[in-house]
Amino acid sequence: MFAEILASLGQNTSIVMDVADEYIRQGSTPVGERIASEVVRSYSDLPVMEPVQRGAEAVLLRHRDRQDY
């Protein structure tokens, strides 16, 4: 049961991160960054959610890399 809940949470969070990434691509950077930051903070104390947290951090890093150029 726990594995099913974890998989569902991971899938739902992935969808949320796709939304955050799209906000950033469309120029609504503060909204996208806020969504990604909340995911990072929300799962910082759950080791089993590390893959989701890394995905959220990747969204933030991709955007930061784009801004640097």
PDB file of N, CA and C in Angstrom:
ATOM      1  N   MET A   1       0.827  -1.196   0.000  1.00  0.00           N
ATOM      2  CA  MET A   1       0.000   0.000   0.000  1.00  0.00           C
ATOM      3  C   MET A   1       0.872   1.261   0.000  1.00  0.00           C
ATOM      4  N   PHE A   2       1.913   1.276   0.846  1.00  0.00           N
ATOM      5  CA  PHE A   2       2.795   2.437   0.907  1.00  0.00           C
ATOM      6  C   PHE A   2       3.448   2.697  -0.447  1.00  0.00           C
ATOM      7  N   ALA A   3       3.850   1.637  -1.128  1.00  0.00           N
ATOM      8  CA  ALA A   3       4.480   1.790  -2.442  1.00  0.00           C
ATOM      9  C   ALA A   3       3.511   2.424  -3.437  1.00  0.00           C
ATOM     10  N   GLU A   4       2.239   2.053  -3.362  1.00  0.00           N
ATOM     11  CA  GLU A   4       1.229   2.626  -4.250  1.00  0.00           C
ATOM     12  C   GLU A   4       1.016   4.115  -3.965  1.00  0.00           C
ATOM     13  N   ILE A   5       0.976   4.456  -2.689  1.00  0.00           N
ATOM     14  CA  ILE A   5       0.811   5.860  -2.300  1.00  0.00           C
ATOM     15  C   ILE A   5       2.005   6.675  -2.760  1.00  0.00           C
ATOM     16  N   LEU A   6       3.199   6.126  -2.567  1.00  0.00           N
ATOM     17  CA  LEU A   6       4.417   6.806  -2.979  1.00  0.00           C
ATOM     18  C   LEU A   6       4.448   7.007  -4.491  1.00  0.00           C
ATOM     19  N   ALA A   7       4.079   5.981  -5.237  1.00  0.00           N
ATOM     20  CA  ALA A   7       4.051   6.099  -6.701  1.00  0.00           C
ATOM     21  C   ALA A   7       3.048   7.158  -7.139  1.00  0.00           C
ATOM     22  N   SER A   8       1.878   7.171  -6.530  1.00  0.00           N
ATOM     23  CA  SER A   8       0.858   8.156  -6.858  1.00  0.00           C
ATOM     24  C   SER A   8       1.334   9.567  -6.525  1.00  0.00           C
ATOM     25  N   LEU A   9       1.944   9.723  -5.369  1.00  0.00           N
ATOM     26  CA  LEU A   9       2.463  11.026  -4.977  1.00  0.00           C
ATOM     27  C   LEU A   9       3.549  11.480  -5.940  1.00  0.00           C
ATOM     28  N   GLY A  10       4.414  10.564  -6.334  1.00  0.00           N
ATOM     29  CA  GLY A  10       5.457  10.887  -7.301  1.00  0.00           C
ATOM     30  C   GLY A  10       4.879  11.308  -8.638  1.00  0.00           C
ATOM     31  N   GLN A  11       3.860  10.617  -9.116  1.00  0.00           N
ATOM     32  CA  GLN A  11       3.224  10.962 -10.388  1.00  0.00           C
ATOM     33  C   GLN A  11       2.540  12.318 -10.317  1.00  0.00           C
ATOM     34  N   ASN A  12       1.811  12.551  -9.238  1.00  0.00           N
ATOM     35  CA  ASN A  12       1.119  13.827  -9.086  1.00  0.00           C
ATOM     36  C   ASN A  12       2.102  14.983  -8.975  1.00  0.00           C
ATOM     37  N   THR A  13       3.185  14.762  -8.252  1.00  0.00           N
ATOM     38  CA  THR A  13       4.188  15.802  -8.112  1.00  0.00           C
ATOM     39  C   THR A  13       4.877  16.068  -9.440  1.00  0.00           C
ATOM     40  N   SER A  14       5.079  15.033 -10.219  1.00  0.00           N
ATOM     41  CA  SER A  14       5.672  15.204 -11.545  1.00  0.00           C
ATOM     42  C   SER A  14       4.787  16.095 -12.417  1.00  0.00           C
ATOM     43  N   ILE A  15       3.498  15.911 -12.325  1.00  0.00           N
ATOM     44  CA  ILE A  15       2.559  16.761 -13.076  1.00  0.00           C
ATOM     45  C   ILE A  15       2.660  18.202 -12.593  1.00  0.00           C
ATOM     46  N   VAL A  16       2.727  18.391 -11.286  1.00  0.00           N
ATOM     47  CA  VAL A  16       2.859  19.742 -10.729  1.00  0.00           C
ATOM     48  C   VAL A  16       4.159  20.387 -11.222  1.00  0.00           C
ATOM     49  N   MET A  17       5.228  19.606 -11.289  1.00  0.00           N
ATOM     50  CA  MET A  17       6.502  20.156 -11.742  1.00  0.00           C
ATOM     51  C   MET A  17       6.467  20.485 -13.234  1.00  0.00           C
ATOM     52  N   ASP A  18       5.721  19.725 -14.016  1.00  0.00           N
ATOM     53  CA  ASP A  18       5.537  20.072 -15.421  1.00  0.00           C
ATOM     54  C   ASP A  18       4.828  21.422 -15.537  1.00  0.00           C
ATOM     55  N   VAL A  19       3.858  21.643 -14.672  1.00  0.00           N
ATOM     56  CA  VAL A  19       3.146  22.923 -14.647  1.00  0.00           C
ATOM     57  C   VAL A  19       4.104  24.052 -14.264  1.00  0.00           C
ATOM     58  N   ALA A  20       4.928  23.821 -13.248  1.00  0.00           N
ATOM     59  CA  ALA A  20       5.897  24.831 -12.822  1.00  0.00           C
ATOM     60  C   ALA A  20       6.859  25.166 -13.957  1.00  0.00           C
ATOM     61  N   ASP A  21       7.343  24.149 -14.624  1.00  0.00           N
ATOM     62  CA  ASP A  21       8.270  24.349 -15.742  1.00  0.00           C
ATOM     63  C   ASP A  21       7.602  25.153 -16.860  1.00  0.00           C
ATOM     64  N   GLU A  22       6.357  24.869 -17.122  1.00  0.00           N
ATOM     65  CA  GLU A  22       5.635  25.600 -18.170  1.00  0.00           C
ATOM     66  C   GLU A  22       5.416  27.057 -17.787  1.00  0.00           C
ATOM     67  N   TYR A  23       5.098  27.309 -16.528  1.00  0.00           N
ATOM     68  CA  TYR A  23       4.987  28.699 -16.076  1.00  0.00           C
ATOM     69  C   TYR A  23       6.281  29.450 -16.353  1.00  0.00           C
ATOM     70  N   ILE A  24       7.398  28.831 -16.016  1.00  0.00           N
ATOM     71  CA  ILE A  24       8.696  29.473 -16.233  1.00  0.00           C
ATOM     72  C   ILE A  24       8.935  29.706 -17.718  1.00  0.00           C
ATOM     73  N   ARG A  25       8.644  28.706 -18.548  1.00  0.00           N
ATOM     74  CA  ARG A  25       8.833  28.864 -20.001  1.00  0.00           C
ATOM     75  C   ARG A  25       7.967  29.971 -20.584  1.00  0.00           C
ATOM     76  N   GLN A  26       6.796  30.169 -20.026  1.00  0.00           N
ATOM     77  CA  GLN A  26       5.876  31.183 -20.533  1.00  0.00           C
ATOM     78  C   GLN A  26       6.142  32.570 -19.952  1.00  0.00           C
ATOM     79  N   GLY A  27       7.159  32.670 -19.101  1.00  0.00           N
ATOM     80  CA  GLY A  27       7.532  33.969 -18.565  1.00  0.00           C
ATOM     81  C   GLY A  27       6.985  34.288 -17.187  1.00  0.00           C
ATOM     82  N   SER A  28       6.225  33.392 -16.604  1.00  0.00           N
ATOM     83  CA  SER A  28       5.713  33.606 -15.253  1.00  0.00           C
ATOM     84  C   SER A  28       6.677  32.971 -14.259  1.00  0.00           C
ATOM     85  N   THR A  29       7.882  33.474 -14.263  1.00  0.00           N
ATOM     86  CA  THR A  29       8.961  32.893 -13.472  1.00  0.00           C
ATOM     87  C   THR A  29       8.655  32.830 -11.983  1.00  0.00           C
ATOM     88  N   PRO A  30       8.155  33.896 -11.361  1.00  0.00           N
ATOM     89  CA  PRO A  30       7.896  33.812  -9.914  1.00  0.00           C
ATOM     90  C   PRO A  30       6.923  32.690  -9.539  1.00  0.00           C
ATOM     91  N   VAL A  31       5.917  32.483 -10.367  1.00  0.00           N
ATOM     92  CA  VAL A  31       4.931  31.431 -10.077  1.00  0.00           C
ATOM     93  C   VAL A  31       5.591  30.055 -10.192  1.00  0.00           C
ATOM     94  N   GLY A  32       6.305  29.830 -11.276  1.00  0.00           N
ATOM     95  CA  GLY A  32       6.970  28.543 -11.476  1.00  0.00           C
ATOM     96  C   GLY A  32       8.001  28.252 -10.413  1.00  0.00           C
ATOM     97  N   GLU A  33       8.786  29.252 -10.063  1.00  0.00           N
ATOM     98  CA  GLU A  33       9.796  29.063  -9.024  1.00  0.00           C
ATOM     99  C   GLU A  33       9.154  28.779  -7.677  1.00  0.00           C
ATOM    100  N   ARG A  34       8.072  29.431  -7.390  1.00  0.00           N
ATOM    101  CA  ARG A  34       7.380  29.219  -6.112  1.00  0.00           C
ATOM    102  C   ARG A  34       6.862  27.787  -6.016  1.00  0.00           C
ATOM    103  N   ILE A  35       6.274  27.289  -7.086  1.00  0.00           N
ATOM    104  CA  ILE A  35       5.774  25.911  -7.094  1.00  0.00           C
ATOM    105  C   ILE A  35       6.926  24.941  -6.861  1.00  0.00           C
ATOM    106  N   ALA A  36       8.009  25.099  -7.607  1.00  0.00           N
ATOM    107  CA  ALA A  36       9.150  24.193  -7.470  1.00  0.00           C
ATOM    108  C   ALA A  36       9.765  24.290  -6.077  1.00  0.00           C
ATOM    109  N   SER A  37       9.879  25.493  -5.557  1.00  0.00           N
ATOM    110  CA  SER A  37      10.453  25.675  -4.223  1.00  0.00           C
ATOM    111  C   SER A  37       9.610  24.995  -3.155  1.00  0.00           C
ATOM    112  N   GLU A  38       8.296  25.072  -3.298  1.00  0.00           N
ATOM    113  CA  GLU A  38       7.404  24.421  -2.326  1.00  0.00           C
ATOM    114  C   GLU A  38       7.586  22.908  -2.351  1.00  0.00           C
ATOM    115  N   VAL A  39       7.766  22.340  -3.540  1.00  0.00           N
ATOM    116  CA  VAL A  39       7.985  20.898  -3.631  1.00  0.00           C
ATOM    117  C   VAL A  39       9.290  20.529  -2.933  1.00  0.00           C
ATOM    118  N   VAL A  40      10.337  21.309  -3.176  1.00  0.00           N
ATOM    119  CA  VAL A  40      11.623  21.030  -2.531  1.00  0.00           C
ATOM    120  C   VAL A  40      11.474  21.087  -1.017  1.00  0.00           C
ATOM    121  N   ARG A  41      10.833  22.123  -0.514  1.00  0.00           N
ATOM    122  CA  ARG A  41      10.658  22.262   0.933  1.00  0.00           C
ATOM    123  C   ARG A  41       9.731  21.199   1.512  1.00  0.00           C
ATOM    124  N   SER A  42       8.675  20.896   0.812  1.00  0.00           N
ATOM    125  CA  SER A  42       7.682  19.957   1.339  1.00  0.00           C
ATOM    126  C   SER A  42       8.245  18.564   1.557  1.00  0.00           C
ATOM    127  N   TYR A  43       9.192  18.162   0.727  1.00  0.00           N
ATOM    128  CA  TYR A  43       9.700  16.798   0.803  1.00  0.00           C
ATOM    129  C   TYR A  43      11.112  16.708   1.356  1.00  0.00           C
ATOM    130  N   SER A  44      11.621  17.780   1.924  1.00  0.00           N
ATOM    131  CA  SER A  44      13.001  17.776   2.395  1.00  0.00           C
ATOM    132  C   SER A  44      13.248  16.800   3.543  1.00  0.00           C
ATOM    133  N   ASP A  45      12.215  16.452   4.284  1.00  0.00           N
ATOM    134  CA  ASP A  45      12.404  15.537   5.410  1.00  0.00           C
ATOM    135  C   ASP A  45      11.934  14.108   5.116  1.00  0.00           C
ATOM    136  N   LEU A  46      11.617  13.820   3.878  1.00  0.00           N
ATOM    137  CA  LEU A  46      11.169  12.478   3.505  1.00  0.00           C
ATOM    138  C   LEU A  46      12.170  11.844   2.542  1.00  0.00           C
ATOM    139  N   PRO A  47      13.079  11.034   3.035  1.00  0.00           N
ATOM    140  CA  PRO A  47      14.097  10.439   2.163  1.00  0.00           C
ATOM    141  C   PRO A  47      13.516   9.683   0.965  1.00  0.00           C
ATOM    142  N   VAL A  48      12.351   9.081   1.128  1.00  0.00           N
ATOM    143  CA  VAL A  48      11.770   8.329   0.016  1.00  0.00           C
ATOM    144  C   VAL A  48      11.327   9.236  -1.124  1.00  0.00           C
ATOM    145  N   MET A  49      11.227  10.538  -0.858  1.00  0.00           N
ATOM    146  CA  MET A  49      10.795  11.468  -1.897  1.00  0.00           C
ATOM    147  C   MET A  49      11.973  12.183  -2.558  1.00  0.00           C
ATOM    148  N   GLU A  50      13.185  11.704  -2.327  1.00  0.00           N
ATOM    149  CA  GLU A  50      14.361  12.336  -2.919  1.00  0.00           C
ATOM    150  C   GLU A  50      14.267  12.474  -4.436  1.00  0.00           C
ATOM    151  N   PRO A  51      13.785  11.460  -5.181  1.00  0.00           N
ATOM    152  CA  PRO A  51      13.691  11.638  -6.635  1.00  0.00           C
ATOM    153  C   PRO A  51      12.780  12.808  -7.031  1.00  0.00           C
ATOM    154  N   VAL A  52      11.686  12.971  -6.335  1.00  0.00           N
ATOM    155  CA  VAL A  52      10.769  14.074  -6.617  1.00  0.00           C
ATOM    156  C   VAL A  52      11.443  15.402  -6.288  1.00  0.00           C
ATOM    157  N   GLN A  53      12.127  15.435  -5.168  1.00  0.00           N
ATOM    158  CA  GLN A  53      12.819  16.649  -4.756  1.00  0.00           C
ATOM    159  C   GLN A  53      13.903  17.014  -5.769  1.00  0.00           C
ATOM    160  N   ARG A  54      14.648  16.023  -6.240  1.00  0.00           N
ATOM    161  CA  ARG A  54      15.679  16.294  -7.248  1.00  0.00           C
ATOM    162  C   ARG A  54      15.057  16.824  -8.536  1.00  0.00           C
ATOM    163  N   GLY A  55      13.888  16.316  -8.892  1.00  0.00           N
ATOM    164  CA  GLY A  55      13.199  16.819 -10.084  1.00  0.00           C
ATOM    165  C   GLY A  55      12.821  18.283  -9.937  1.00  0.00           C
ATOM    166  N   ALA A  56      12.345  18.653  -8.766  1.00  0.00           N
ATOM    167  CA  ALA A  56      11.985  20.044  -8.513  1.00  0.00           C
ATOM    168  C   ALA A  56      13.223  20.929  -8.558  1.00  0.00           C
ATOM    169  N   GLU A  57      14.302  20.449  -7.975  1.00  0.00           N
ATOM    170  CA  GLU A  57      15.542  21.218  -8.010  1.00  0.00           C
ATOM    171  C   GLU A  57      16.046  21.373  -9.440  1.00  0.00           C
ATOM    172  N   ALA A  58      15.855  20.351 -10.261  1.00  0.00           N
ATOM    173  CA  ALA A  58      16.282  20.418 -11.663  1.00  0.00           C
ATOM    174  C   ALA A  58      15.526  21.511 -12.418  1.00  0.00           C
ATOM    175  N   VAL A  59      14.234  21.655 -12.127  1.00  0.00           N
ATOM    176  CA  VAL A  59      13.455  22.726 -12.768  1.00  0.00           C
ATOM    177  C   VAL A  59      14.050  24.081 -12.406  1.00  0.00           C
ATOM    178  N   LEU A  60      14.363  24.275 -11.152  1.00  0.00           N
ATOM    179  CA  LEU A  60      14.946  25.544 -10.718  1.00  0.00           C
ATOM    180  C   LEU A  60      16.315  25.759 -11.352  1.00  0.00           C
ATOM    181  N   LEU A  61      17.123  24.723 -11.434  1.00  0.00           N
ATOM    182  CA  LEU A  61      18.456  24.855 -12.022  1.00  0.00           C
ATOM    183  C   LEU A  61      18.388  25.133 -13.522  1.00  0.00           C
ATOM    184  N   ARG A  62      17.480  24.470 -14.217  1.00  0.00           N
ATOM    185  CA  ARG A  62      17.340  24.719 -15.662  1.00  0.00           C
ATOM    186  C   ARG A  62      17.023  26.181 -15.918  1.00  0.00           C
ATOM    187  N   HIS A  63      16.134  26.727 -15.108  1.00  0.00           N
ATOM    188  CA  HIS A  63      15.763  28.125 -15.289  1.00  0.00           C
ATOM    189  C   HIS A  63      16.931  29.041 -14.955  1.00  0.00           C
ATOM    190  N   ARG A  64      17.634  28.750 -13.890  1.00  0.00           N
ATOM    191  CA  ARG A  64      18.762  29.596 -13.506  1.00  0.00           C
ATOM    192  C   ARG A  64      19.826  29.581 -14.590  1.00  0.00           C
ATOM    193  N   ASP A  65      20.063  28.420 -15.186  1.00  0.00           N
ATOM    194  CA  ASP A  65      21.044  28.335 -16.265  1.00  0.00           C
ATOM    195  C   ASP A  65      20.631  29.184 -17.456  1.00  0.00           C
ATOM    196  N   ARG A  66      19.346  29.205 -17.765  1.00  0.00           N
ATOM    197  CA  ARG A  66      18.862  30.015 -18.884  1.00  0.00           C
ATOM    198  C   ARG A  66      19.024  31.500 -18.610  1.00  0.00           C
ATOM    199  N   GLN A  67      18.840  31.904 -17.370  1.00  0.00           N
ATOM    200  CA  GLN A  67      18.937  33.313 -17.021  1.00  0.00           C
ATOM    201  C   GLN A  67      20.375  33.812 -17.084  1.00  0.00           C
ATOM    202  N   ASP A  68      21.336  32.922 -16.860  1.00  0.00           N
ATOM    203  CA  ASP A  68      22.732  33.333 -16.824  1.00  0.00           C
ATOM    204  C   ASP A  68      23.255  33.723 -18.198  1.00  0.00           C
ATOM    205  N   TYR A  69      22.573  33.339 -19.262  1.00  0.00           N
ATOM    206  CA  TYR A  69      23.083  33.633 -20.610  1.00  0.00           C
ATOM    207  C   TYR A  69      22.377  34.785 -21.256  1.00  0.00           C
TER     208      TYR A  69
END
